[in-house]
Amino acid sequence: MISEKMKEKMEEIIDGCLECKTKPCMTNCIMLNEFGENPKSIFKECLEKNEMPDSMVYSCNMCNQCTIACPKNYRIQDIFVESRRLKIEKNNGKSPMKGHRAVEAHQYLSNTNLFNTINKAPDEKKTKRIFFPGCSLPSYNPKAVGNILDFLQEKYDGEVGSILKCCGKPTKSLGQDEKFKERYRSVQKAIDDTKADEIIVACQSCYKIFKEYNPNQTIKSLWEILPELGLPEHANGIGKDSDITFGIHDSCPTRYNKEIQNGVRWILDKMEYKTEEPIHTKENTRCCGFGGMVMPANPKAFKAVSSQRVKEYKTDHIVSYCAACRESMEIGGKDSVHILDLIFGEKYTEASAMKRNQNPSVQWINRFKSKKELNKRK
């Protein structure tokens, strides 16, 4: 089914699409190429059938690259967002894609007490700030979660609490709007109960969600505040004379946030690692493939997007500041590290390269370990 809202947007594209010879939108979106020659032909067929195929609707990465490339800046993503909402409504609140059962299970577990914790600042200190690491980083590197909280406690005189919960972004990406609102209310209440004035987030998706939905606290990215606080002493200059060059990957949610982008580059400069920028970087960054919960719905499209991204780098080593992006870059075939691996690790060299991706059971074990790391400091 196609809503009036979708129909209006589709007709606007059909009437106005320039059918560019160079097809910039199609060049920048591998997914669209699976379903037609250009947006005009794709949406014309959808209107004729009064339906968007499930596989098409859930293959959109929500990265906005098609809009950026389009001479008329058509918001194609909005059509997919609305269609997902309708698919969920039609399917009794669940995604029609079998692969998304894993996402729904993740969201359920992420909202249980087994993998959640809420800690105010320790030692009777006022809780002025909350550290919110998100989901992907705790599932990847529990030690980094604990280390960065220790660093924040030191710099902010112990007035930092922590919350390990999911912001609900995966639920929102599936189109489960009501369930997202319910889950986000739980997160907001947990934050408000600490009486904190500021949230420090390590996850870019969390940053975007909080910026849009949080009415009560100031939202700061970890990558914005580290240039203000400085790095742990041992990290300054640690990459000097390293025999590798890191390619920098910017995640889609930070596309228009220069402070975060510049903060990451400041950190790498202070560590004195050599870096390179891909063709598509900062505001023109290309998606890693994880956006929109595409991987479990359309693994083929995910692998194509991930592969396209890593081919832009001359170096074999990529540094990300999103744990999900880091995982995707490794799947694409590169040695891939999170920037916190560098901040709290030894000098990184060619000999340090290794596979870091883990299976889901290990990721949940890591999530539980992250909970214990945060609880140590309450």
Protein backbone atom coordinates (compact mmCIF):
# COMPACT_ATOMS: atom_id res chain seq x y z
CA MET A 1 0.00 0.00 0.00
CA ILE A 2 1.15 3.53 -0.82
CA SER A 3 -0.06 6.42 1.33
CA GLU A 4 -1.12 9.80 -0.05
CA LYS A 5 2.02 11.28 1.46
CA MET A 6 4.20 8.77 -0.41
CA LYS A 7 2.22 9.19 -3.61
CA GLU A 8 2.72 12.94 -3.55
CA LYS A 9 6.49 12.59 -3.12
CA MET A 10 6.72 9.89 -5.78
CA GLU A 11 4.77 11.96 -8.31
CA GLU A 12 7.01 14.94 -7.63
CA ILE A 13 10.06 12.82 -8.45
CA ILE A 14 8.42 11.24 -11.51
CA ASP A 15 7.48 14.66 -12.90
CA GLY A 16 10.76 16.35 -12.05
CA CYS A 17 13.46 13.67 -12.34
CA LEU A 18 16.02 14.85 -14.89
CA GLU A 19 17.03 11.29 -15.80
CA CYS A 20 20.65 12.49 -15.73
CA LYS A 21 22.97 10.74 -18.17
CA THR A 22 25.60 10.29 -15.46
CA LYS A 23 22.96 8.99 -13.00
CA PRO A 24 24.62 10.46 -9.88
CA CYS A 25 21.94 9.13 -7.53
CA MET A 26 22.33 5.60 -8.91
CA THR A 27 26.13 5.82 -8.81
CA ASN A 28 25.99 6.77 -5.15
CA CYS A 29 23.32 4.23 -4.17
CA ILE A 30 24.03 0.60 -4.99
CA MET A 31 20.66 -0.40 -3.57
CA LEU A 32 18.59 1.60 -6.06
CA ASN A 33 20.30 -0.18 -8.95
CA GLU A 34 18.71 -3.46 -7.86
CA PHE A 35 15.23 -2.12 -8.58
CA GLY A 36 15.36 0.03 -11.72
CA GLU A 37 17.14 2.44 -14.06
CA ASN A 38 16.49 5.60 -12.05
CA PRO A 39 14.16 6.91 -9.30
CA LYS A 40 11.60 7.92 -11.92
CA SER A 41 11.21 4.39 -13.32
CA ILE A 42 11.35 2.81 -9.85
CA PHE A 43 8.60 4.94 -8.34
CA LYS A 44 6.47 4.86 -11.49
CA GLU A 45 6.33 1.07 -11.22
CA CYS A 46 5.54 1.29 -7.50
CA LEU A 47 2.61 3.62 -8.16
CA GLU A 48 1.27 1.35 -10.89
CA LYS A 49 1.32 -1.60 -8.47
CA ASN A 50 0.30 0.55 -5.47
CA GLU A 51 3.02 -1.20 -3.51
CA MET A 52 6.72 -1.02 -2.67
CA PRO A 53 8.37 -4.45 -2.40
CA ASP A 54 9.49 -5.37 1.12
CA SER A 55 13.00 -6.08 -0.13
CA MET A 56 13.26 -2.57 -1.61
CA VAL A 57 11.82 -0.79 1.41
CA TYR A 58 14.25 -2.44 3.81
CA SER A 59 17.32 -2.08 1.60
CA CYS A 60 17.58 1.68 2.06
CA ASN A 61 20.51 2.67 4.29
CA MET A 62 18.91 6.01 5.23
CA CYS A 63 22.24 7.66 4.44
CA ASN A 64 20.93 10.48 2.21
CA GLN A 65 23.63 9.95 -0.44
CA CYS A 66 21.02 9.87 -3.21
CA THR A 67 19.70 13.27 -2.07
CA ILE A 68 23.18 14.77 -1.87
CA ALA A 69 23.93 13.58 -5.41
CA CYS A 70 20.56 14.65 -6.86
CA PRO A 71 20.60 18.03 -8.71
CA LYS A 72 17.10 18.65 -7.30
CA ASN A 73 17.86 17.34 -3.80
CA TYR A 74 14.85 15.02 -3.75
CA ARG A 75 14.34 13.47 -0.29
CA ILE A 76 14.04 9.89 -1.52
CA GLN A 77 14.74 8.54 1.97
CA ASP A 78 11.45 9.98 3.26
CA ILE A 79 9.49 7.66 0.97
CA PHE A 80 11.24 4.62 2.41
CA VAL A 81 10.74 5.82 6.00
CA GLU A 82 6.99 6.25 5.45
CA SER A 83 6.74 2.91 3.67
CA ARG A 84 8.41 1.12 6.58
CA ARG A 85 5.89 2.62 8.96
CA LEU A 86 3.06 1.28 6.79
CA LYS A 87 4.68 -2.16 6.51
CA ILE A 88 4.91 -2.37 10.30
CA GLU A 89 1.31 -1.23 10.70
CA LYS A 90 0.12 -3.85 8.19
CA ASN A 91 2.20 -6.61 9.81
CA ASN A 92 0.91 -6.22 13.38
CA GLY A 93 3.86 -4.17 14.60
CA LYS A 94 6.63 -6.38 13.23
CA SER A 95 8.96 -6.15 10.27
CA PRO A 96 7.96 -8.39 7.35
CA MET A 97 11.65 -9.30 6.82
CA LYS A 98 12.71 -12.56 8.49
CA GLY A 99 16.22 -11.22 8.97
CA HIS A 100 14.88 -8.51 11.25
CA ARG A 101 13.87 -11.03 13.88
CA ALA A 102 17.47 -10.78 15.08
CA VAL A 103 17.11 -6.98 15.36
CA GLU A 104 13.87 -7.31 17.30
CA ALA A 105 15.52 -9.87 19.62
CA HIS A 106 18.44 -7.48 20.10
CA GLN A 107 16.07 -4.65 21.01
CA TYR A 108 14.22 -6.86 23.48
CA LEU A 109 17.42 -8.02 25.21
CA SER A 110 18.87 -4.50 25.13
CA ASN A 111 15.94 -3.36 27.25
CA THR A 112 16.24 -6.06 29.94
CA ASN A 113 17.90 -5.62 33.32
CA LEU A 114 20.47 -8.27 32.41
CA PHE A 115 22.16 -5.91 29.97
CA ASN A 116 21.18 -2.51 31.43
CA THR A 117 22.60 -0.47 34.26
CA ILE A 118 21.97 3.02 35.62
CA ASN A 119 24.60 4.58 37.87
CA LYS A 120 24.70 8.00 39.45
CA ALA A 121 28.05 9.65 40.18
CA PRO A 122 29.99 7.81 42.94
CA ASP A 123 30.90 8.92 46.49
CA GLU A 124 27.88 11.16 47.05
CA LYS A 125 28.96 13.43 44.23
CA LYS A 126 26.36 15.39 42.31
CA THR A 127 25.65 13.77 38.95
CA LYS A 128 26.26 16.57 36.49
CA ARG A 129 26.94 14.38 33.47
CA ILE A 130 25.93 10.94 32.22
CA PHE A 131 28.21 8.82 30.04
CA PHE A 132 26.06 6.91 27.52
CA PRO A 133 28.20 4.45 25.49
CA GLY A 134 25.33 3.09 23.35
CA CYS A 135 25.08 -0.54 22.18
CA SER A 136 27.79 -1.23 19.60
CA LEU A 137 30.82 -0.06 21.59
CA PRO A 138 29.93 -2.04 24.77
CA SER A 139 29.37 -5.11 22.57
CA TYR A 140 32.82 -4.64 21.03
CA ASN A 141 35.23 -3.38 23.71
CA PRO A 142 34.19 -3.45 27.40
CA LYS A 143 37.63 -2.28 28.58
CA ALA A 144 37.40 0.84 26.44
CA VAL A 145 34.00 1.61 28.01
CA GLY A 146 35.50 1.40 31.48
CA ASN A 147 38.64 3.31 30.52
CA ILE A 148 36.79 6.26 29.04
CA LEU A 149 34.51 6.50 32.08
CA ASP A 150 37.59 6.54 34.35
CA PHE A 151 39.04 9.34 32.23
CA LEU A 152 35.82 11.37 32.38
CA GLN A 153 35.59 10.86 36.15
CA GLU A 154 39.12 12.17 36.52
CA LYS A 155 38.55 15.22 34.34
CA TYR A 156 35.13 16.10 35.79
CA ASP A 157 35.98 15.60 39.47
CA GLY A 158 33.95 12.40 39.78
CA GLU A 159 30.63 14.02 38.87
CA VAL A 160 29.87 11.58 36.04
CA GLY A 161 27.33 8.80 36.12
CA SER A 162 26.67 6.16 33.45
CA ILE A 163 23.75 4.49 31.74
CA LEU A 164 23.93 1.34 29.66
CA LYS A 165 20.71 1.16 27.64
CA CYS A 166 19.74 1.26 23.98
CA CYS A 167 18.45 4.58 22.66
CA GLY A 168 16.00 2.67 20.44
CA LYS A 169 17.42 3.68 17.07
CA PRO A 170 17.20 0.12 15.58
CA THR A 171 13.51 0.02 16.53
CA LYS A 172 12.98 3.37 14.85
CA SER A 173 14.87 2.19 11.75
CA LEU A 174 12.48 -0.74 11.32
CA GLY A 175 9.55 1.69 11.27
CA GLN A 176 8.20 0.68 14.70
CA ASP A 177 7.40 4.24 15.70
CA GLU A 178 5.17 3.54 18.70
CA LYS A 179 7.52 0.95 20.15
CA PHE A 180 10.42 3.35 19.66
CA LYS A 181 8.61 6.11 21.54
CA GLU A 182 7.87 3.71 24.39
CA ARG A 183 11.50 2.59 24.59
CA TYR A 184 12.86 6.09 24.31
CA ARG A 185 10.61 7.26 27.17
CA SER A 186 12.30 4.64 29.36
CA VAL A 187 15.74 6.00 28.42
CA GLN A 188 14.72 9.60 29.00
CA LYS A 189 13.25 8.76 32.42
CA ALA A 190 16.47 6.98 33.44
CA ILE A 191 18.49 10.05 32.47
CA ASP A 192 16.13 12.51 34.14
CA ASP A 193 16.14 10.48 37.37
CA THR A 194 19.90 11.06 37.71
CA LYS A 195 19.25 14.85 37.54
CA ALA A 196 22.19 15.20 35.14
CA ASP A 197 22.48 18.33 32.99
CA GLU A 198 24.55 16.80 30.19
CA ILE A 199 24.83 13.52 28.28
CA ILE A 200 28.16 12.44 26.82
CA VAL A 201 27.60 9.91 24.03
CA ALA A 202 30.14 7.68 22.31
CA CYS A 203 27.72 6.48 19.61
CA GLN A 204 26.81 8.68 16.66
CA SER A 205 23.34 7.16 16.26
CA CYS A 206 22.63 7.86 19.95
CA TYR A 207 23.88 11.40 19.44
CA LYS A 208 21.41 11.93 16.60
CA ILE A 209 18.51 10.38 18.52
CA PHE A 210 19.17 12.47 21.64
CA LYS A 211 19.55 15.64 19.59
CA GLU A 212 16.12 15.04 18.10
CA TYR A 213 14.17 13.71 21.08
CA ASN A 214 15.84 14.82 24.32
CA PRO A 215 14.28 18.05 25.66
CA ASN A 216 16.05 18.24 29.02
CA GLN A 217 19.82 17.77 28.73
CA THR A 218 22.69 19.18 26.71
CA ILE A 219 24.00 16.54 24.30
CA LYS A 220 27.74 16.28 23.71
CA SER A 221 29.70 13.78 21.64
CA LEU A 222 32.78 12.24 23.20
CA TRP A 223 34.64 13.34 20.08
CA GLU A 224 33.64 16.95 20.71
CA ILE A 225 34.80 17.05 24.32
CA LEU A 226 38.12 15.17 24.07
CA PRO A 227 39.71 18.15 22.27
CA GLU A 228 38.53 20.27 25.22
CA LEU A 229 39.79 17.87 27.88
CA GLY A 230 42.92 16.59 26.15
CA LEU A 231 43.94 12.95 25.77
CA PRO A 232 45.21 10.54 28.41
CA GLU A 233 48.90 11.37 28.79
CA HIS A 234 50.20 8.09 27.36
CA ALA A 235 48.18 8.63 24.14
CA ASN A 236 49.92 11.86 23.15
CA GLY A 237 52.38 11.08 20.36
CA ILE A 238 51.89 7.33 20.68
CA GLY A 239 51.54 6.88 16.90
CA LYS A 240 54.77 8.68 16.03
CA ASP A 241 56.94 6.58 13.67
CA SER A 242 54.19 3.96 13.26
CA ASP A 243 54.65 2.12 9.96
CA ILE A 244 51.01 2.43 8.90
CA THR A 245 48.57 5.06 7.63
CA PHE A 246 44.95 5.09 8.79
CA GLY A 247 42.10 5.93 6.45
CA ILE A 248 39.43 7.90 8.33
CA HIS A 249 35.81 6.78 8.03
CA ASP A 250 33.07 9.25 8.99
CA SER A 251 29.71 7.75 9.97
CA CYS A 252 26.53 8.95 8.28
CA PRO A 253 24.85 10.45 11.39
CA THR A 254 27.76 12.92 11.71
CA ARG A 255 27.58 13.97 8.06
CA TYR A 256 26.86 17.60 8.90
CA ASN A 257 28.62 17.83 12.26
CA LYS A 258 31.98 19.48 11.67
CA GLU A 259 32.82 19.61 15.38
CA ILE A 260 32.72 15.82 15.67
CA GLN A 261 34.59 15.31 12.40
CA ASN A 262 37.27 17.83 13.35
CA GLY A 263 37.48 16.41 16.87
CA VAL A 264 38.33 12.96 15.56
CA ARG A 265 41.06 14.40 13.36
CA TRP A 266 42.41 16.41 16.28
CA ILE A 267 42.69 13.20 18.31
CA LEU A 268 44.55 11.37 15.54
CA ASP A 269 46.88 14.35 15.06
CA LYS A 270 47.65 14.46 18.78
CA MET A 271 48.47 10.76 18.71
CA GLU A 272 50.64 11.53 15.64
CA TYR A 273 49.25 8.75 13.47
CA LYS A 274 49.49 9.28 9.71
CA THR A 275 46.06 9.50 8.08
CA GLU A 276 44.41 9.69 4.67
CA GLU A 277 40.99 10.86 3.55
CA PRO A 278 38.92 8.84 1.06
CA ILE A 279 37.24 10.51 -1.93
CA HIS A 280 33.98 10.68 0.01
CA THR A 281 34.66 12.14 3.43
CA LYS A 282 33.10 14.36 6.11
CA GLU A 283 29.80 15.79 4.75
CA ASN A 284 30.15 13.63 1.61
CA THR A 285 30.93 10.41 3.46
CA ARG A 286 29.64 7.12 2.09
CA CYS A 287 27.62 4.70 4.18
CA CYS A 288 29.34 1.66 5.70
CA GLY A 289 26.25 -0.46 4.99
CA PHE A 290 24.84 -0.80 8.52
CA GLY A 291 22.43 2.11 8.26
CA GLY A 292 18.72 1.32 8.19
CA MET A 293 19.19 -2.24 9.53
CA VAL A 294 19.96 -3.42 5.98
CA MET A 295 22.47 -6.20 6.74
CA PRO A 296 19.97 -8.78 8.11
CA ALA A 297 17.34 -7.82 5.54
CA ASN A 298 19.49 -7.74 2.40
CA PRO A 299 22.99 -9.17 3.04
CA LYS A 300 23.90 -8.88 -0.64
CA ALA A 301 23.22 -5.13 -0.69
CA PHE A 302 25.07 -4.67 2.59
CA LYS A 303 28.20 -6.42 1.29
CA ALA A 304 28.11 -4.40 -1.92
CA VAL A 305 27.88 -1.11 -0.01
CA SER A 306 30.62 -2.10 2.43
CA SER A 307 32.88 -3.23 -0.41
CA GLN A 308 32.27 0.00 -2.34
CA ARG A 309 33.29 2.02 0.69
CA VAL A 310 36.55 0.23 1.52
CA LYS A 311 37.70 0.36 -2.11
CA GLU A 312 38.02 4.14 -1.74
CA TYR A 313 41.05 3.75 0.53
CA LYS A 314 44.63 3.27 -0.61
CA THR A 315 45.68 2.05 2.82
CA ASP A 316 44.67 -1.33 4.27
CA HIS A 317 43.93 0.21 7.69
CA ILE A 318 40.77 2.11 8.59
CA VAL A 319 39.91 3.92 11.81
CA SER A 320 36.27 4.58 12.72
CA TYR A 321 34.62 6.31 15.67
CA CYS A 322 31.50 4.17 15.37
CA ALA A 323 31.80 0.53 16.48
CA ALA A 324 29.20 -0.62 13.92
CA CYS A 325 31.09 1.15 11.11
CA ARG A 326 34.29 -0.47 12.36
CA GLU A 327 32.72 -3.91 12.04
CA SER A 328 31.44 -3.13 8.56
CA MET A 329 34.86 -1.97 7.34
CA GLU A 330 36.36 -5.29 8.44
CA ILE A 331 33.62 -7.20 6.64
CA GLY A 332 34.55 -5.14 3.58
CA GLY A 333 38.08 -6.52 3.76
CA LYS A 334 40.18 -3.97 5.66
CA ASP A 335 42.04 -4.01 8.95
CA SER A 336 39.61 -1.94 11.01
CA VAL A 337 40.00 -0.33 14.43
CA HIS A 338 37.91 1.89 16.67
CA ILE A 339 39.59 5.12 17.67
CA LEU A 340 39.38 4.08 21.34
CA ASP A 341 41.55 1.05 20.46
CA LEU A 342 44.24 3.58 19.60
CA ILE A 343 43.68 5.96 22.53
CA PHE A 344 43.96 3.20 25.15
CA GLY A 345 46.22 0.78 23.30
CA GLU A 346 49.89 0.39 22.49
CA LYS A 347 51.49 1.94 19.40
CA TYR A 348 49.63 0.48 16.42
CA THR A 349 51.81 -1.05 13.70
CA GLU A 350 51.46 -3.47 10.79
CA ALA A 351 52.13 -6.28 13.27
CA SER A 352 49.08 -5.19 15.30
CA ALA A 353 46.62 -5.94 12.48
CA MET A 354 44.16 -8.66 13.35
CA LYS A 355 40.56 -9.75 12.84
CA ARG A 356 38.37 -8.21 15.53
CA ASN A 357 34.82 -9.08 14.51
CA GLN A 358 32.98 -11.36 16.92
CA ASN A 359 29.93 -13.59 16.73
CA PRO A 360 26.67 -12.44 18.40
CA SER A 361 27.13 -14.58 21.52
CA VAL A 362 30.53 -13.00 22.23
CA GLN A 363 29.04 -9.55 21.62
CA TRP A 364 26.38 -10.19 24.27
CA ILE A 365 29.05 -11.43 26.68
CA ASN A 366 30.94 -8.19 26.02
CA ARG A 367 27.78 -6.21 26.65
CA PHE A 368 27.44 -7.87 30.05
CA LYS A 369 31.13 -7.21 30.77
CA SER A 370 30.56 -3.53 29.92
CA LYS A 371 27.76 -3.47 32.47
CA LYS A 372 30.19 -4.80 35.08
CA GLU A 373 32.80 -2.22 34.04
CA LEU A 374 30.33 0.61 34.57
CA ASN A 375 29.07 -0.85 37.85
CA LYS A 376 32.62 -0.91 39.24
CA ARG A 377 32.62 2.85 39.20
CA LYS A 378 29.28 3.59 40.84
